[in-house]
Amino acid sequence: MKTDRRFLVIICVCKAVSDRRIQKEIDDGARTMVDIAKGCLAGTDCGSCCEQIRTMLQEHCKPHLRLVGDDAA
């Protein structure tokens, strides 16, 4: 069994939520801060982690964005 030896990074200190947990929420379909909050409570206390969570959401959604007209054949 391969072990992920990457360090665990706590994004939301108030709720002790790691980057891996937030990424799992995103991988499972979370697309908004509300989705993340419902899934793992990150961002629901002091709010200091919200900018980093938004960045994670934007990075995930960026490959799925396309310019108007990109689908023209």
PDB file of N, CA and C in Angstrom:
ATOM      1  N   MET A   1       0.841  -1.178   0.000  1.00  0.00           N
ATOM      2  CA  MET A   1       0.000   0.000   0.000  1.00  0.00           C
ATOM      3  C   MET A   1       0.884   1.239   0.000  1.00  0.00           C
ATOM      4  N   LYS A   2       0.652   2.124  -0.943  1.00  0.00           N
ATOM      5  CA  LYS A   2       1.429   3.357  -1.048  1.00  0.00           C
ATOM      6  C   LYS A   2       0.889   4.383  -0.058  1.00  0.00           C
ATOM      7  N   THR A   3       1.782   4.992   0.680  1.00  0.00           N
ATOM      8  CA  THR A   3       1.398   5.995   1.670  1.00  0.00           C
ATOM      9  C   THR A   3       1.733   7.379   1.147  1.00  0.00           C
ATOM     10  N   ASP A   4       0.791   8.299   1.280  1.00  0.00           N
ATOM     11  CA  ASP A   4       1.034   9.687   0.902  1.00  0.00           C
ATOM     12  C   ASP A   4       1.846  10.332   2.015  1.00  0.00           C
ATOM     13  N   ARG A   5       3.082  10.645   1.728  1.00  0.00           N
ATOM     14  CA  ARG A   5       3.963  11.211   2.752  1.00  0.00           C
ATOM     15  C   ARG A   5       3.968  12.735   2.743  1.00  0.00           C
ATOM     16  N   ARG A   6       3.127  13.316   1.917  1.00  0.00           N
ATOM     17  CA  ARG A   6       3.017  14.770   1.880  1.00  0.00           C
ATOM     18  C   ARG A   6       2.493  15.258   3.229  1.00  0.00           C
ATOM     19  N   PHE A   7       3.021  16.361   3.681  1.00  0.00           N
ATOM     20  CA  PHE A   7       2.582  16.909   4.954  1.00  0.00           C
ATOM     21  C   PHE A   7       1.116  17.316   4.903  1.00  0.00           C
ATOM     22  N   LEU A   8       0.444  17.146   6.000  1.00  0.00           N
ATOM     23  CA  LEU A   8      -0.935  17.579   6.152  1.00  0.00           C
ATOM     24  C   LEU A   8      -0.905  19.071   6.475  1.00  0.00           C
ATOM     25  N   VAL A   9      -1.681  19.854   5.748  1.00  0.00           N
ATOM     26  CA  VAL A   9      -1.724  21.295   5.973  1.00  0.00           C
ATOM     27  C   VAL A   9      -3.107  21.657   6.490  1.00  0.00           C
ATOM     28  N   ILE A  10      -3.153  22.234   7.673  1.00  0.00           N
ATOM     29  CA  ILE A  10      -4.426  22.669   8.239  1.00  0.00           C
ATOM     30  C   ILE A  10      -4.772  24.016   7.615  1.00  0.00           C
ATOM     31  N   ILE A  11      -5.896  24.054   6.914  1.00  0.00           N
ATOM     32  CA  ILE A  11      -6.362  25.283   6.274  1.00  0.00           C
ATOM     33  C   ILE A  11      -7.260  26.053   7.234  1.00  0.00           C
ATOM     34  N   CYS A  12      -8.203  25.357   7.836  1.00  0.00           N
ATOM     35  CA  CYS A  12      -9.126  25.973   8.792  1.00  0.00           C
ATOM     36  C   CYS A  12      -8.719  25.547  10.200  1.00  0.00           C
ATOM     37  N   VAL A  13      -8.064  26.453  10.900  1.00  0.00           N
ATOM     38  CA  VAL A  13      -7.586  26.156  12.242  1.00  0.00           C
ATOM     39  C   VAL A  13      -8.753  26.010  13.214  1.00  0.00           C
ATOM     40  N   CYS A  14      -9.770  26.840  13.071  1.00  0.00           N
ATOM     41  CA  CYS A  14     -10.910  26.811  13.994  1.00  0.00           C
ATOM     42  C   CYS A  14     -11.600  25.447  14.025  1.00  0.00           C
ATOM     43  N   LYS A  15     -11.735  24.831  12.856  1.00  0.00           N
ATOM     44  CA  LYS A  15     -12.433  23.545  12.750  1.00  0.00           C
ATOM     45  C   LYS A  15     -11.473  22.387  12.469  1.00  0.00           C
ATOM     46  N   ALA A  16     -10.171  22.664  12.465  1.00  0.00           N
ATOM     47  CA  ALA A  16      -9.129  21.658  12.225  1.00  0.00           C
ATOM     48  C   ALA A  16      -9.365  20.887  10.931  1.00  0.00           C
ATOM     49  N   VAL A  17      -9.562  21.632   9.835  1.00  0.00           N
ATOM     50  CA  VAL A  17      -9.822  21.023   8.530  1.00  0.00           C
ATOM     51  C   VAL A  17      -8.575  21.167   7.657  1.00  0.00           C
ATOM     52  N   SER A  18      -8.132  20.036   7.120  1.00  0.00           N
ATOM     53  CA  SER A  18      -6.911  20.017   6.315  1.00  0.00           C
ATOM     54  C   SER A  18      -7.174  20.326   4.849  1.00  0.00           C
ATOM     55  N   ASP A  19      -6.088  20.597   4.141  1.00  0.00           N
ATOM     56  CA  ASP A  19      -6.176  20.803   2.698  1.00  0.00           C
ATOM     57  C   ASP A  19      -6.709  19.558   2.004  1.00  0.00           C
ATOM     58  N   ARG A  20      -6.339  18.389   2.491  1.00  0.00           N
ATOM     59  CA  ARG A  20      -6.821  17.137   1.887  1.00  0.00           C
ATOM     60  C   ARG A  20      -8.333  16.993   2.033  1.00  0.00           C
ATOM     61  N   ARG A  21      -8.847  17.367   3.197  1.00  0.00           N
ATOM     62  CA  ARG A  21     -10.292  17.257   3.422  1.00  0.00           C
ATOM     63  C   ARG A  21     -11.048  18.227   2.519  1.00  0.00           C
ATOM     64  N   ILE A  22     -10.551  19.429   2.392  1.00  0.00           N
ATOM     65  CA  ILE A  22     -11.193  20.410   1.516  1.00  0.00           C
ATOM     66  C   ILE A  22     -11.113  19.934   0.070  1.00  0.00           C
ATOM     67  N   GLN A  23      -9.956  19.405  -0.332  1.00  0.00           N
ATOM     68  CA  GLN A  23      -9.820  18.893  -1.697  1.00  0.00           C
ATOM     69  C   GLN A  23     -10.779  17.735  -1.942  1.00  0.00           C
ATOM     70  N   LYS A  24     -10.994  16.895  -0.941  1.00  0.00           N
ATOM     71  CA  LYS A  24     -11.951  15.792  -1.078  1.00  0.00           C
ATOM     72  C   LYS A  24     -13.356  16.330  -1.295  1.00  0.00           C
ATOM     73  N   GLU A  25     -13.721  17.372  -0.564  1.00  0.00           N
ATOM     74  CA  GLU A  25     -15.037  17.992  -0.753  1.00  0.00           C
ATOM     75  C   GLU A  25     -15.173  18.514  -2.181  1.00  0.00           C
ATOM     76  N   ILE A  26     -14.126  19.151  -2.683  1.00  0.00           N
ATOM     77  CA  ILE A  26     -14.142  19.673  -4.052  1.00  0.00           C
ATOM     78  C   ILE A  26     -14.238  18.521  -5.048  1.00  0.00           C
ATOM     79  N   ASP A  27     -13.449  17.483  -4.835  1.00  0.00           N
ATOM     80  CA  ASP A  27     -13.488  16.312  -5.720  1.00  0.00           C
ATOM     81  C   ASP A  27     -14.858  15.639  -5.710  1.00  0.00           C
ATOM     82  N   ASP A  28     -15.548  15.740  -4.571  1.00  0.00           N
ATOM     83  CA  ASP A  28     -16.880  15.138  -4.437  1.00  0.00           C
ATOM     84  C   ASP A  28     -18.000  16.048  -4.923  1.00  0.00           C
ATOM     85  N   GLY A  29     -17.647  17.231  -5.462  1.00  0.00           N
ATOM     86  CA  GLY A  29     -18.657  18.076  -6.080  1.00  0.00           C
ATOM     87  C   GLY A  29     -18.874  19.448  -5.481  1.00  0.00           C
ATOM     88  N   ALA A  30     -18.189  19.783  -4.389  1.00  0.00           N
ATOM     89  CA  ALA A  30     -18.336  21.120  -3.812  1.00  0.00           C
ATOM     90  C   ALA A  30     -17.832  22.157  -4.806  1.00  0.00           C
ATOM     91  N   ARG A  31     -18.617  23.204  -5.027  1.00  0.00           N
ATOM     92  CA  ARG A  31     -18.239  24.252  -5.977  1.00  0.00           C
ATOM     93  C   ARG A  31     -18.303  25.644  -5.365  1.00  0.00           C
ATOM     94  N   THR A  32     -18.809  25.752  -4.139  1.00  0.00           N
ATOM     95  CA  THR A  32     -18.959  27.046  -3.481  1.00  0.00           C
ATOM     96  C   THR A  32     -18.486  26.953  -2.037  1.00  0.00           C
ATOM     97  N   MET A  33     -18.313  28.117  -1.420  1.00  0.00           N
ATOM     98  CA  MET A  33     -17.971  28.158   0.000  1.00  0.00           C
ATOM     99  C   MET A  33     -19.060  27.502   0.838  1.00  0.00           C
ATOM    100  N   VAL A  34     -20.303  27.682   0.437  1.00  0.00           N
ATOM    101  CA  VAL A  34     -21.421  27.069   1.170  1.00  0.00           C
ATOM    102  C   VAL A  34     -21.310  25.550   1.101  1.00  0.00           C
ATOM    103  N   ASP A  35     -20.978  25.020  -0.079  1.00  0.00           N
ATOM    104  CA  ASP A  35     -20.797  23.573  -0.219  1.00  0.00           C
ATOM    105  C   ASP A  35     -19.696  23.066   0.708  1.00  0.00           C
ATOM    106  N   ILE A  36     -18.588  23.790   0.759  1.00  0.00           N
ATOM    107  CA  ILE A  36     -17.474  23.396   1.629  1.00  0.00           C
ATOM    108  C   ILE A  36     -17.917  23.440   3.088  1.00  0.00           C
ATOM    109  N   ALA A  37     -18.596  24.508   3.473  1.00  0.00           N
ATOM    110  CA  ALA A  37     -19.058  24.654   4.855  1.00  0.00           C
ATOM    111  C   ALA A  37     -20.004  23.524   5.249  1.00  0.00           C
ATOM    112  N   LYS A  38     -20.906  23.169   4.351  1.00  0.00           N
ATOM    113  CA  LYS A  38     -21.836  22.072   4.635  1.00  0.00           C
ATOM    114  C   LYS A  38     -21.106  20.741   4.764  1.00  0.00           C
ATOM    115  N   GLY A  39     -20.074  20.559   3.957  1.00  0.00           N
ATOM    116  CA  GLY A  39     -19.372  19.283   3.937  1.00  0.00           C
ATOM    117  C   GLY A  39     -18.408  19.057   5.082  1.00  0.00           C
ATOM    118  N   CYS A  40     -17.715  20.130   5.518  1.00  0.00           N
ATOM    119  CA  CYS A  40     -16.677  19.910   6.534  1.00  0.00           C
ATOM    120  C   CYS A  40     -16.547  21.042   7.555  1.00  0.00           C
ATOM    121  N   LEU A  41     -17.419  22.024   7.477  1.00  0.00           N
ATOM    122  CA  LEU A  41     -17.464  23.159   8.409  1.00  0.00           C
ATOM    123  C   LEU A  41     -16.337  24.180   8.234  1.00  0.00           C
ATOM    124  N   ALA A  42     -15.423  23.952   7.305  1.00  0.00           N
ATOM    125  CA  ALA A  42     -14.346  24.924   7.086  1.00  0.00           C
ATOM    126  C   ALA A  42     -14.933  26.263   6.654  1.00  0.00           C
ATOM    127  N   GLY A  43     -14.379  27.333   7.204  1.00  0.00           N
ATOM    128  CA  GLY A  43     -14.818  28.673   6.843  1.00  0.00           C
ATOM    129  C   GLY A  43     -16.034  29.168   7.592  1.00  0.00           C
ATOM    130  N   THR A  44     -16.469  28.432   8.596  1.00  0.00           N
ATOM    131  CA  THR A  44     -17.702  28.812   9.298  1.00  0.00           C
ATOM    132  C   THR A  44     -17.464  29.505  10.632  1.00  0.00           C
ATOM    133  N   ASP A  45     -16.213  29.771  10.970  1.00  0.00           N
ATOM    134  CA  ASP A  45     -15.956  30.404  12.262  1.00  0.00           C
ATOM    135  C   ASP A  45     -15.336  31.785  12.047  1.00  0.00           C
ATOM    136  N   CYS A  46     -14.045  31.937  12.158  1.00  0.00           N
ATOM    137  CA  CYS A  46     -13.433  33.273  12.073  1.00  0.00           C
ATOM    138  C   CYS A  46     -13.312  33.792  10.640  1.00  0.00           C
ATOM    139  N   GLY A  47     -13.267  32.881   9.662  1.00  0.00           N
ATOM    140  CA  GLY A  47     -13.208  33.294   8.262  1.00  0.00           C
ATOM    141  C   GLY A  47     -11.816  33.526   7.704  1.00  0.00           C
ATOM    142  N   SER A  48     -10.783  33.360   8.508  1.00  0.00           N
ATOM    143  CA  SER A  48      -9.431  33.635   8.003  1.00  0.00           C
ATOM    144  C   SER A  48      -8.976  32.643   6.932  1.00  0.00           C
ATOM    145  N   CYS A  49      -9.642  31.510   6.821  1.00  0.00           N
ATOM    146  CA  CYS A  49      -9.277  30.502   5.820  1.00  0.00           C
ATOM    147  C   CYS A  49     -10.046  30.662   4.510  1.00  0.00           C
ATOM    148  N   CYS A  50     -11.027  31.525   4.480  1.00  0.00           N
ATOM    149  CA  CYS A  50     -11.921  31.619   3.314  1.00  0.00           C
ATOM    150  C   CYS A  50     -11.196  31.961   2.019  1.00  0.00           C
ATOM    151  N   GLU A  51     -10.216  32.845   2.078  1.00  0.00           N
ATOM    152  CA  GLU A  51      -9.496  33.209   0.859  1.00  0.00           C
ATOM    153  C   GLU A  51      -8.761  31.999   0.282  1.00  0.00           C
ATOM    154  N   GLN A  52      -8.141  31.215   1.145  1.00  0.00           N
ATOM    155  CA  GLN A  52      -7.415  30.039   0.667  1.00  0.00           C
ATOM    156  C   GLN A  52      -8.377  28.982   0.112  1.00  0.00           C
ATOM    157  N   ILE A  53      -9.530  28.823   0.741  1.00  0.00           N
ATOM    158  CA  ILE A  53     -10.525  27.877   0.237  1.00  0.00           C
ATOM    159  C   ILE A  53     -11.044  28.349  -1.117  1.00  0.00           C
ATOM    160  N   ARG A  54     -11.316  29.638  -1.251  1.00  0.00           N
ATOM    161  CA  ARG A  54     -11.770  30.183  -2.547  1.00  0.00           C
ATOM    162  C   ARG A  54     -10.729  29.926  -3.637  1.00  0.00           C
ATOM    163  N   THR A  55      -9.460  30.086  -3.287  1.00  0.00           N
ATOM    164  CA  THR A  55      -8.388  29.821  -4.250  1.00  0.00           C
ATOM    165  C   THR A  55      -8.404  28.359  -4.680  1.00  0.00           C
ATOM    166  N   MET A  56      -8.592  27.456  -3.734  1.00  0.00           N
ATOM    167  CA  MET A  56      -8.668  26.026  -4.070  1.00  0.00           C
ATOM    168  C   MET A  56      -9.851  25.758  -4.994  1.00  0.00           C
ATOM    169  N   LEU A  57     -10.989  26.376  -4.711  1.00  0.00           N
ATOM    170  CA  LEU A  57     -12.169  26.206  -5.568  1.00  0.00           C
ATOM    171  C   LEU A  57     -11.901  26.749  -6.965  1.00  0.00           C
ATOM    172  N   GLN A  58     -11.297  27.924  -7.050  1.00  0.00           N
ATOM    173  CA  GLN A  58     -11.005  28.531  -8.355  1.00  0.00           C
ATOM    174  C   GLN A  58     -10.021  27.689  -9.152  1.00  0.00           C
ATOM    175  N   GLU A  59      -9.010  27.157  -8.498  1.00  0.00           N
ATOM    176  CA  GLU A  59      -8.026  26.324  -9.187  1.00  0.00           C
ATOM    177  C   GLU A  59      -8.677  25.063  -9.741  1.00  0.00           C
ATOM    178  N   HIS A  60      -9.633  24.524  -9.015  1.00  0.00           N
ATOM    179  CA  HIS A  60     -10.323  23.322  -9.491  1.00  0.00           C
ATOM    180  C   HIS A  60     -11.235  23.643 -10.667  1.00  0.00           C
ATOM    181  N   CYS A  61     -11.910  24.765 -10.603  1.00  0.00           N
ATOM    182  CA  CYS A  61     -12.890  25.110 -11.632  1.00  0.00           C
ATOM    183  C   CYS A  61     -12.246  25.676 -12.889  1.00  0.00           C
ATOM    184  N   LYS A  62     -11.052  26.231 -12.774  1.00  0.00           N
ATOM    185  CA  LYS A  62     -10.385  26.877 -13.910  1.00  0.00           C
ATOM    186  C   LYS A  62     -10.299  25.980 -15.147  1.00  0.00           C
ATOM    187  N   PRO A  63      -9.905  24.709 -15.039  1.00  0.00           N
ATOM    188  CA  PRO A  63      -9.820  23.878 -16.248  1.00  0.00           C
ATOM    189  C   PRO A  63     -11.173  23.636 -16.913  1.00  0.00           C
ATOM    190  N   HIS A  64     -12.250  23.825 -16.172  1.00  0.00           N
ATOM    191  CA  HIS A  64     -13.580  23.563 -16.700  1.00  0.00           C
ATOM    192  C   HIS A  64     -14.196  24.784 -17.378  1.00  0.00           C
ATOM    193  N   LEU A  65     -13.547  25.930 -17.219  1.00  0.00           N
ATOM    194  CA  LEU A  65     -14.058  27.152 -17.836  1.00  0.00           C
ATOM    195  C   LEU A  65     -13.624  27.203 -19.294  1.00  0.00           C
ATOM    196  N   ARG A  66     -14.449  27.774 -20.125  1.00  0.00           N
ATOM    197  CA  ARG A  66     -14.042  27.972 -21.512  1.00  0.00           C
ATOM    198  C   ARG A  66     -14.635  29.281 -22.009  1.00  0.00           C
ATOM    199  N   LEU A  67     -13.993  29.854 -22.957  1.00  0.00           N
ATOM    200  CA  LEU A  67     -14.457  31.116 -23.509  1.00  0.00           C
ATOM    201  C   LEU A  67     -15.669  30.886 -24.390  1.00  0.00           C
ATOM    202  N   VAL A  68     -16.532  31.890 -24.456  1.00  0.00           N
ATOM    203  CA  VAL A  68     -17.686  31.813 -25.343  1.00  0.00           C
ATOM    204  C   VAL A  68     -17.168  31.635 -26.762  1.00  0.00           C
ATOM    205  N   GLY A  69     -17.726  30.680 -27.464  1.00  0.00           N
ATOM    206  CA  GLY A  69     -17.308  30.414 -28.831  1.00  0.00           C
ATOM    207  C   GLY A  69     -16.318  29.269 -28.957  1.00  0.00           C
ATOM    208  N   ASP A  70     -15.800  28.761 -27.828  1.00  0.00           N
ATOM    209  CA  ASP A  70     -14.853  27.654 -27.879  1.00  0.00           C
ATOM    210  C   ASP A  70     -15.473  26.373 -28.416  1.00  0.00           C
ATOM    211  N   ASP A  71     -16.795  26.268 -28.329  1.00  0.00           N
ATOM    212  CA  ASP A  71     -17.445  25.037 -28.762  1.00  0.00           C
ATOM    213  C   ASP A  71     -17.876  25.091 -30.226  1.00  0.00           C
ATOM    214  N   ALA A  72     -17.533  26.157 -30.909  1.00  0.00           N
ATOM    215  CA  ALA A  72     -17.905  26.276 -32.325  1.00  0.00           C
ATOM    216  C   ALA A  72     -17.135  25.253 -33.151  1.00  0.00           C
ATOM    217  N   ALA A  73     -17.846  24.618 -34.058  1.00  0.00           N
ATOM    218  CA  ALA A  73     -17.203  23.568 -34.853  1.00  0.00           C
ATOM    219  C   ALA A  73     -16.596  24.115 -36.119  1.00  0.00           C
TER     220      ALA A  73
END
